[in-house]
Amino acid sequence: MQRIAGASGSHGRSGAAPRAAVGWSRDDADPGTPTSARNGPAEPVEAPLQAPLEARLDEPGAAPPIVETPERTRPRSKLAAYVALTKPRIIELLLVTTVPTMILAQEGLPPLWLMAATVLGGTLAAGGANAVNMYVDRDIDRLMRRTVGRPLVTGEVTPRQALSFAVALEVAAFAWLWVVVNLLSAVLGLAACLFYVFVYTMWLKRSSTSNIVIGGAAGAVPVLVGWAAVQGSLAWTPVVLFAVIFFWTPPHFWALAIKYRDDYAAAEVPMLPVVAGLHRTALQIVGYTVVLWALTLLVVPVAGMGWLYTATALVSGAVFFGLAVLLLRAAPPRQPKLAMRVFSWSITYLMVLFAALAADQLVRSGF
């Protein structure tokens, strides 16, 4: 696995390896920003490295400490622990895009039973994928303050229980969508899960700064599922909407990764802010936001949208772009706080954009 400069033994664990060259040069770093996630020297070409993560976890008496947080100490029922495995907040965000796409595909309001069935199937599929993600990432989750409250870290759920639960959800999702909705929606839901688990979680997340760029494709599949549920086929409109979500994901997630840069460095996960620095990450956020803005406007001619969606896409995209530029121009000490403003707005932005998509279609169809 690639190494991250500065993700070294400032965590009080034994097993540090000899000094070795890191995989990124000083030209890739953010000028004036230390590559160390803690207190290391600024932008070193070489840095002391920890032993591989697996080796550190296996060393007798060298298990990484679990940081006590209010989230971890809060009592939680077994049912709540299983629900937490599915990452319900992420599911909510994904499904925000499904129903509006179904309304667009129907050119009006689809049957309520079909919307409910599709949302349920999508919830099961996304929940299963997220549970597998927690199963695979349980070693690095215990190293990050943001994730130490997850059920597999706290011991509320065993790895075997989590994996069995995840597989059961995926089987149920595929069967439900196939029987109640249609086969295409079931296949798309399963494909998203497999991509998220094998391409993002097991391969890219720990090996490449492109992890969230490519892996974000899994989160864009719900629009395809929603369209397929209504039409039984795909068309250019859902493809463009897929691209909208695909290009929305990196600036959304990189903003969060700026805030939790130290966490990812400690777990040796090569997220862009850790490897490339804050300035280059902010520059990438601006670039992806521009492309995203253009794609949301491309929806207008492709889907035949009216003034309501067009105005919303113009204004909300301008706000997103403005916040991204502020993040780019901010001094390094202010960037984490501004990054969370970008992250928060990105969530609101997606909800507003797809709400306008649905409202525009319903107004034009005379609903």
Protein backbone atom coordinates (compact mmCIF):
# COMPACT_ATOMS: atom_id res chain seq x y z
CA MET A 1 0.00 0.00 0.00
CA GLN A 2 1.25 3.49 -0.76
CA ARG A 3 2.58 5.42 2.19
CA ILE A 4 1.45 8.80 3.35
CA ALA A 5 4.04 11.36 4.38
CA GLY A 6 3.68 12.29 7.98
CA ALA A 7 1.31 9.46 8.96
CA SER A 8 3.96 8.21 11.30
CA GLY A 9 4.44 7.24 14.85
CA SER A 10 2.91 10.18 16.64
CA HIS A 11 0.13 7.94 17.94
CA GLY A 12 2.11 6.27 20.69
CA ARG A 13 2.34 2.83 19.04
CA SER A 14 5.41 0.72 18.56
CA GLY A 15 6.54 -0.88 15.35
CA ALA A 16 7.80 2.07 13.31
CA ALA A 17 9.68 1.04 10.20
CA PRO A 18 12.97 2.55 8.99
CA ARG A 19 12.93 5.77 7.01
CA ALA A 20 11.89 5.31 3.42
CA ALA A 21 10.99 7.46 0.44
CA VAL A 22 7.36 8.34 0.17
CA GLY A 23 5.45 8.02 -3.08
CA TRP A 24 4.83 11.74 -3.64
CA SER A 25 7.31 14.53 -4.26
CA ARG A 26 7.41 17.89 -2.53
CA ASP A 27 5.92 19.41 -5.73
CA ASP A 28 2.66 17.61 -5.03
CA ALA A 29 2.28 19.12 -1.59
CA ASP A 30 0.36 22.23 -0.67
CA PRO A 31 2.85 25.13 -0.45
CA GLY A 32 3.15 26.22 3.13
CA THR A 33 1.10 23.30 4.45
CA PRO A 34 2.85 20.52 6.40
CA THR A 35 2.44 17.10 4.87
CA SER A 36 2.41 15.70 8.36
CA ALA A 37 -1.07 15.18 9.70
CA ARG A 38 0.34 15.90 13.16
CA ASN A 39 3.46 17.89 13.98
CA GLY A 40 6.04 16.58 11.53
CA PRO A 41 8.38 18.69 9.38
CA ALA A 42 6.81 20.60 6.50
CA GLU A 43 6.76 18.82 3.14
CA PRO A 44 9.48 16.22 3.65
CA VAL A 45 10.58 13.99 0.81
CA GLU A 46 11.28 11.33 3.38
CA ALA A 47 9.48 10.59 6.60
CA PRO A 48 9.57 7.86 9.21
CA LEU A 49 6.93 5.31 8.35
CA GLN A 50 4.87 3.05 10.51
CA ALA A 51 4.86 -0.65 9.97
CA PRO A 52 2.02 -1.87 7.74
CA LEU A 53 -1.39 -1.39 9.32
CA GLU A 54 -2.08 -5.12 9.48
CA ALA A 55 1.24 -5.75 11.24
CA ARG A 56 0.57 -3.05 13.80
CA LEU A 57 -2.85 -4.45 14.60
CA ASP A 58 -1.43 -7.96 15.03
CA GLU A 59 1.44 -7.01 17.36
CA PRO A 60 0.90 -8.22 20.92
CA GLY A 61 0.00 -5.27 23.09
CA ALA A 62 0.25 -2.87 20.13
CA ALA A 63 -3.41 -2.63 19.18
CA PRO A 64 -4.24 0.99 18.39
CA PRO A 65 -6.08 2.76 21.16
CA ILE A 66 -9.75 3.43 20.63
CA VAL A 67 -10.53 7.07 21.26
CA GLU A 68 -13.33 7.51 23.77
CA THR A 69 -16.03 9.81 22.38
CA PRO A 70 -19.58 10.63 23.43
CA GLU A 71 -20.79 8.66 20.41
CA ARG A 72 -18.98 5.54 21.54
CA THR A 73 -20.14 5.70 25.13
CA ARG A 74 -23.78 6.38 24.31
CA PRO A 75 -25.93 3.28 25.00
CA ARG A 76 -27.26 1.64 21.84
CA SER A 77 -29.60 -1.31 21.38
CA LYS A 78 -28.71 -4.28 19.20
CA LEU A 79 -31.27 -3.17 16.62
CA ALA A 80 -29.80 0.34 16.58
CA ALA A 81 -26.32 -1.15 16.09
CA TYR A 82 -27.48 -3.08 13.03
CA VAL A 83 -29.19 0.01 11.66
CA ALA A 84 -25.94 1.95 12.16
CA LEU A 85 -24.16 -0.62 9.98
CA THR A 86 -26.25 0.53 7.01
CA LYS A 87 -25.16 4.20 7.34
CA PRO A 88 -28.74 5.52 7.19
CA ARG A 89 -27.72 9.15 6.63
CA ILE A 90 -25.89 8.18 3.46
CA ILE A 91 -28.89 6.14 2.31
CA GLU A 92 -31.18 9.13 2.81
CA LEU A 93 -28.94 11.24 0.61
CA LEU A 94 -28.81 8.62 -2.13
CA LEU A 95 -32.56 8.11 -2.20
CA VAL A 96 -33.15 11.86 -2.49
CA THR A 97 -32.15 11.42 -6.13
CA THR A 98 -34.30 8.33 -6.83
CA VAL A 99 -37.86 9.61 -6.50
CA PRO A 100 -37.35 12.84 -8.51
CA THR A 101 -35.79 10.77 -11.29
CA MET A 102 -38.83 8.48 -11.25
CA ILE A 103 -41.12 11.53 -11.56
CA LEU A 104 -39.06 12.72 -14.52
CA ALA A 105 -39.21 9.29 -16.16
CA GLN A 106 -42.99 9.08 -15.64
CA GLU A 107 -43.48 12.71 -16.78
CA GLY A 108 -45.72 12.99 -13.75
CA LEU A 109 -46.30 11.18 -10.49
CA PRO A 110 -45.58 7.42 -10.70
CA PRO A 111 -47.82 4.95 -8.81
CA LEU A 112 -47.16 5.30 -5.10
CA TRP A 113 -46.61 1.55 -4.72
CA LEU A 114 -43.86 1.67 -7.36
CA MET A 115 -42.09 4.56 -5.65
CA ALA A 116 -42.33 2.82 -2.27
CA ALA A 117 -41.11 -0.49 -3.70
CA THR A 118 -38.16 1.14 -5.47
CA VAL A 119 -37.16 3.15 -2.40
CA LEU A 120 -37.34 0.03 -0.21
CA GLY A 121 -35.25 -1.99 -2.64
CA GLY A 122 -32.72 0.80 -2.95
CA THR A 123 -32.53 1.14 0.83
CA LEU A 124 -31.81 -2.57 1.25
CA ALA A 125 -29.18 -2.56 -1.51
CA ALA A 126 -27.39 0.55 -0.23
CA GLY A 127 -27.60 -0.67 3.37
CA GLY A 128 -26.02 -3.99 2.47
CA ALA A 129 -23.19 -2.30 0.60
CA ASN A 130 -22.52 0.06 3.50
CA ALA A 131 -22.49 -2.85 5.97
CA VAL A 132 -19.89 -4.66 3.85
CA ASN A 133 -17.88 -1.43 3.75
CA MET A 134 -17.84 -1.33 7.57
CA TYR A 135 -16.85 -5.01 7.69
CA VAL A 136 -13.87 -4.43 5.38
CA ASP A 137 -12.83 -1.14 6.98
CA ARG A 138 -13.09 -2.20 10.61
CA ASP A 139 -9.30 -2.09 11.01
CA ILE A 140 -8.95 1.53 9.91
CA ASP A 141 -12.22 2.65 11.52
CA ARG A 142 -10.68 2.09 14.96
CA LEU A 143 -7.86 4.48 14.07
CA MET A 144 -10.06 7.45 13.19
CA ARG A 145 -11.91 9.61 15.69
CA ARG A 146 -14.78 10.06 13.24
CA THR A 147 -15.46 6.32 13.06
CA VAL A 148 -14.57 4.89 16.49
CA GLY A 149 -18.25 4.73 17.40
CA ARG A 150 -19.13 2.30 14.62
CA PRO A 151 -20.64 -1.03 15.77
CA LEU A 152 -17.74 -3.23 14.64
CA VAL A 153 -15.24 -1.05 16.51
CA THR A 154 -17.26 -0.91 19.73
CA GLY A 155 -17.93 -4.66 19.60
CA GLU A 156 -21.71 -4.29 19.52
CA VAL A 157 -21.75 -6.44 16.37
CA THR A 158 -19.20 -9.12 15.47
CA PRO A 159 -17.57 -9.21 12.02
CA ARG A 160 -19.37 -12.45 11.17
CA GLN A 161 -22.73 -11.00 12.19
CA ALA A 162 -22.08 -7.86 10.16
CA LEU A 163 -21.11 -9.77 7.02
CA SER A 164 -24.08 -12.14 7.30
CA PHE A 165 -26.39 -9.17 7.78
CA ALA A 166 -24.92 -7.40 4.73
CA VAL A 167 -25.29 -10.43 2.46
CA ALA A 168 -28.86 -10.98 3.64
CA LEU A 169 -29.72 -7.36 2.79
CA GLU A 170 -28.25 -7.66 -0.69
CA VAL A 171 -30.08 -10.92 -1.42
CA ALA A 172 -33.33 -9.40 -0.18
CA ALA A 173 -32.77 -6.24 -2.24
CA PHE A 174 -32.14 -8.14 -5.47
CA ALA A 175 -35.09 -10.47 -4.97
CA TRP A 176 -37.44 -7.62 -4.02
CA LEU A 177 -36.52 -5.37 -6.94
CA TRP A 178 -36.67 -8.27 -9.41
CA VAL A 179 -40.05 -9.56 -8.28
CA VAL A 180 -41.81 -6.31 -7.41
CA VAL A 181 -40.17 -3.76 -9.75
CA ASN A 182 -38.18 -5.24 -12.66
CA LEU A 183 -34.98 -7.14 -13.41
CA LEU A 184 -33.04 -4.14 -14.75
CA SER A 185 -33.45 -2.19 -11.52
CA ALA A 186 -32.36 -5.26 -9.52
CA VAL A 187 -29.25 -5.76 -11.66
CA LEU A 188 -28.31 -2.08 -11.40
CA GLY A 189 -28.70 -2.15 -7.61
CA LEU A 190 -26.50 -5.24 -7.31
CA ALA A 191 -23.92 -3.76 -9.69
CA ALA A 192 -23.68 -0.64 -7.54
CA CYS A 193 -23.05 -2.76 -4.45
CA LEU A 194 -20.34 -4.84 -6.13
CA PHE A 195 -18.64 -1.74 -7.49
CA TYR A 196 -18.71 0.00 -4.12
CA VAL A 197 -17.34 -3.01 -2.26
CA PHE A 198 -14.74 -4.41 -4.65
CA VAL A 199 -13.63 -1.37 -6.66
CA TYR A 200 -13.85 1.40 -4.06
CA THR A 201 -13.64 -0.20 -0.61
CA MET A 202 -11.26 -3.10 -1.26
CA TRP A 203 -9.08 -1.58 -3.98
CA LEU A 204 -9.08 2.17 -4.56
CA LYS A 205 -9.72 3.50 -1.06
CA ARG A 206 -6.39 2.29 0.29
CA SER A 207 -4.31 2.60 -2.86
CA SER A 208 -5.14 5.73 -4.86
CA THR A 209 -6.04 9.39 -4.51
CA SER A 210 -8.62 8.71 -7.22
CA ASN A 211 -10.52 6.54 -4.74
CA ILE A 212 -13.51 8.82 -4.25
CA VAL A 213 -13.52 10.01 -7.88
CA ILE A 214 -13.97 6.56 -9.40
CA GLY A 215 -15.66 4.99 -6.41
CA GLY A 216 -18.29 7.74 -6.44
CA ALA A 217 -19.90 6.06 -9.44
CA ALA A 218 -21.64 3.67 -7.05
CA GLY A 219 -23.49 6.55 -5.42
CA ALA A 220 -24.74 7.76 -8.79
CA VAL A 221 -26.52 4.50 -9.64
CA PRO A 222 -29.79 5.29 -7.76
CA VAL A 223 -30.83 7.66 -10.56
CA LEU A 224 -30.43 4.79 -13.02
CA VAL A 225 -32.43 2.50 -10.74
CA GLY A 226 -35.20 5.09 -10.44
CA TRP A 227 -35.46 5.59 -14.19
CA ALA A 228 -35.30 1.85 -14.90
CA ALA A 229 -38.05 1.20 -12.34
CA VAL A 230 -40.44 3.35 -14.37
CA GLN A 231 -39.27 2.82 -17.95
CA GLY A 232 -37.74 -0.65 -17.82
CA SER A 233 -34.83 0.74 -19.84
CA LEU A 234 -32.29 3.58 -19.79
CA ALA A 235 -31.96 6.78 -21.84
CA TRP A 236 -29.77 9.88 -22.10
CA THR A 237 -31.56 11.75 -19.33
CA PRO A 238 -30.62 9.30 -16.54
CA VAL A 239 -27.10 9.10 -17.97
CA VAL A 240 -26.68 12.88 -17.61
CA LEU A 241 -28.16 12.74 -14.10
CA PHE A 242 -25.67 9.95 -13.31
CA ALA A 243 -22.88 12.30 -14.44
CA VAL A 244 -24.26 15.05 -12.19
CA ILE A 245 -23.99 12.80 -9.11
CA PHE A 246 -20.62 11.46 -10.27
CA PHE A 247 -19.09 14.96 -10.43
CA TRP A 248 -20.89 16.11 -7.27
CA THR A 249 -19.30 13.34 -5.16
CA PRO A 250 -15.61 14.44 -5.18
CA PRO A 251 -16.13 18.05 -4.02
CA HIS A 252 -18.69 16.82 -1.48
CA PHE A 253 -16.36 14.20 0.00
CA TRP A 254 -13.06 16.07 -0.37
CA ALA A 255 -14.52 18.90 1.70
CA LEU A 256 -15.19 16.41 4.50
CA ALA A 257 -11.74 14.86 4.01
CA ILE A 258 -10.11 18.26 4.56
CA LYS A 259 -11.79 18.46 7.95
CA TYR A 260 -10.69 14.93 8.88
CA ARG A 261 -7.30 15.00 7.20
CA ASP A 262 -5.53 13.85 10.37
CA ASP A 263 -7.84 10.84 10.66
CA TYR A 264 -7.10 9.62 7.15
CA ALA A 265 -3.37 10.18 7.61
CA ALA A 266 -3.40 8.18 10.85
CA ALA A 267 -5.14 5.29 9.07
CA GLU A 268 -2.84 5.56 6.02
CA VAL A 269 -5.74 6.17 3.64
CA PRO A 270 -4.47 8.25 0.66
CA MET A 271 -7.29 10.76 0.48
CA LEU A 272 -6.38 13.75 -1.67
CA PRO A 273 -5.99 16.29 1.18
CA VAL A 274 -3.45 14.01 2.88
CA VAL A 275 -1.39 13.30 -0.21
CA ALA A 276 -1.67 16.49 -2.25
CA GLY A 277 -2.26 19.12 0.41
CA LEU A 278 -5.09 21.54 1.08
CA HIS A 279 -4.46 24.00 -1.75
CA ARG A 280 -4.43 21.40 -4.49
CA THR A 281 -7.53 19.74 -3.02
CA ALA A 282 -9.37 23.07 -2.96
CA LEU A 283 -8.33 23.67 -6.56
CA GLN A 284 -9.75 20.29 -7.54
CA ILE A 285 -12.98 21.09 -5.70
CA VAL A 286 -13.34 24.27 -7.76
CA GLY A 287 -12.70 22.39 -11.01
CA TYR A 288 -15.20 19.63 -10.27
CA THR A 289 -17.78 22.20 -9.16
CA VAL A 290 -17.52 23.99 -12.50
CA VAL A 291 -18.07 20.72 -14.40
CA LEU A 292 -20.94 19.84 -12.08
CA TRP A 293 -22.57 23.22 -12.67
CA ALA A 294 -22.33 22.75 -16.44
CA LEU A 295 -23.83 19.25 -16.25
CA THR A 296 -26.81 20.46 -14.22
CA LEU A 297 -27.50 22.97 -17.00
CA LEU A 298 -27.08 20.26 -19.65
CA VAL A 299 -30.07 18.54 -18.03
CA VAL A 300 -32.26 21.41 -19.28
CA PRO A 301 -32.12 20.60 -23.03
CA VAL A 302 -31.68 16.86 -22.56
CA ALA A 303 -34.71 16.43 -20.27
CA GLY A 304 -36.70 19.42 -21.57
CA MET A 305 -36.75 21.18 -18.20
CA GLY A 306 -38.57 24.44 -17.57
CA TRP A 307 -37.77 27.73 -15.83
CA LEU A 308 -38.09 26.41 -12.26
CA TYR A 309 -35.32 23.85 -12.56
CA THR A 310 -33.19 26.11 -14.77
CA ALA A 311 -33.26 28.98 -12.28
CA THR A 312 -32.55 26.65 -9.37
CA ALA A 313 -29.59 25.04 -11.16
CA LEU A 314 -28.12 28.46 -12.02
CA VAL A 315 -28.45 29.97 -8.55
CA SER A 316 -27.54 26.92 -6.45
CA GLY A 317 -24.59 26.16 -8.72
CA ALA A 318 -23.36 29.74 -8.34
CA VAL A 319 -23.48 29.40 -4.55
CA PHE A 320 -21.57 26.11 -4.69
CA PHE A 321 -18.94 27.64 -6.98
CA GLY A 322 -18.63 30.72 -4.77
CA LEU A 323 -18.03 28.65 -1.64
CA ALA A 324 -15.45 26.55 -3.48
CA VAL A 325 -13.58 29.70 -4.54
CA LEU A 326 -13.65 31.01 -0.96
CA LEU A 327 -12.15 27.71 0.19
CA LEU A 328 -9.40 27.98 -2.42
CA ARG A 329 -8.49 31.54 -1.44
CA ALA A 330 -8.66 31.00 2.32
CA ALA A 331 -5.55 30.85 4.45
CA PRO A 332 -4.69 27.27 5.56
CA PRO A 333 -5.83 27.77 9.19
CA ARG A 334 -9.34 28.70 7.99
CA GLN A 335 -9.69 26.01 5.34
CA PRO A 336 -11.02 23.18 7.57
CA LYS A 337 -13.87 25.40 8.81
CA LEU A 338 -14.69 26.62 5.31
CA ALA A 339 -14.48 23.06 4.03
CA MET A 340 -17.32 22.08 6.35
CA ARG A 341 -19.38 24.94 4.92
CA VAL A 342 -18.77 23.50 1.45
CA PHE A 343 -19.66 20.03 2.71
CA SER A 344 -22.89 21.20 4.34
CA TRP A 345 -23.92 23.18 1.29
CA SER A 346 -23.18 20.24 -1.02
CA ILE A 347 -25.84 18.22 0.80
CA THR A 348 -28.38 21.06 0.67
CA TYR A 349 -27.46 21.64 -2.97
CA LEU A 350 -28.25 18.08 -4.01
CA MET A 351 -31.57 18.09 -2.19
CA VAL A 352 -32.61 21.46 -3.64
CA LEU A 353 -31.53 20.55 -7.16
CA PHE A 354 -33.48 17.28 -7.29
CA ALA A 355 -36.49 18.79 -5.52
CA ALA A 356 -36.55 21.43 -8.27
CA LEU A 357 -36.23 18.68 -10.87
CA ALA A 358 -39.33 16.95 -9.50
CA ALA A 359 -41.30 20.16 -8.97
CA ASP A 360 -40.52 21.42 -12.46
CA GLN A 361 -41.74 18.17 -14.03
CA LEU A 362 -44.93 18.12 -11.93
CA VAL A 363 -45.72 21.73 -12.83
CA ARG A 364 -45.19 21.09 -16.53
CA SER A 365 -47.33 17.94 -16.43
CA GLY A 366 -50.16 19.86 -14.78
CA PHE A 367 -50.14 17.83 -11.55
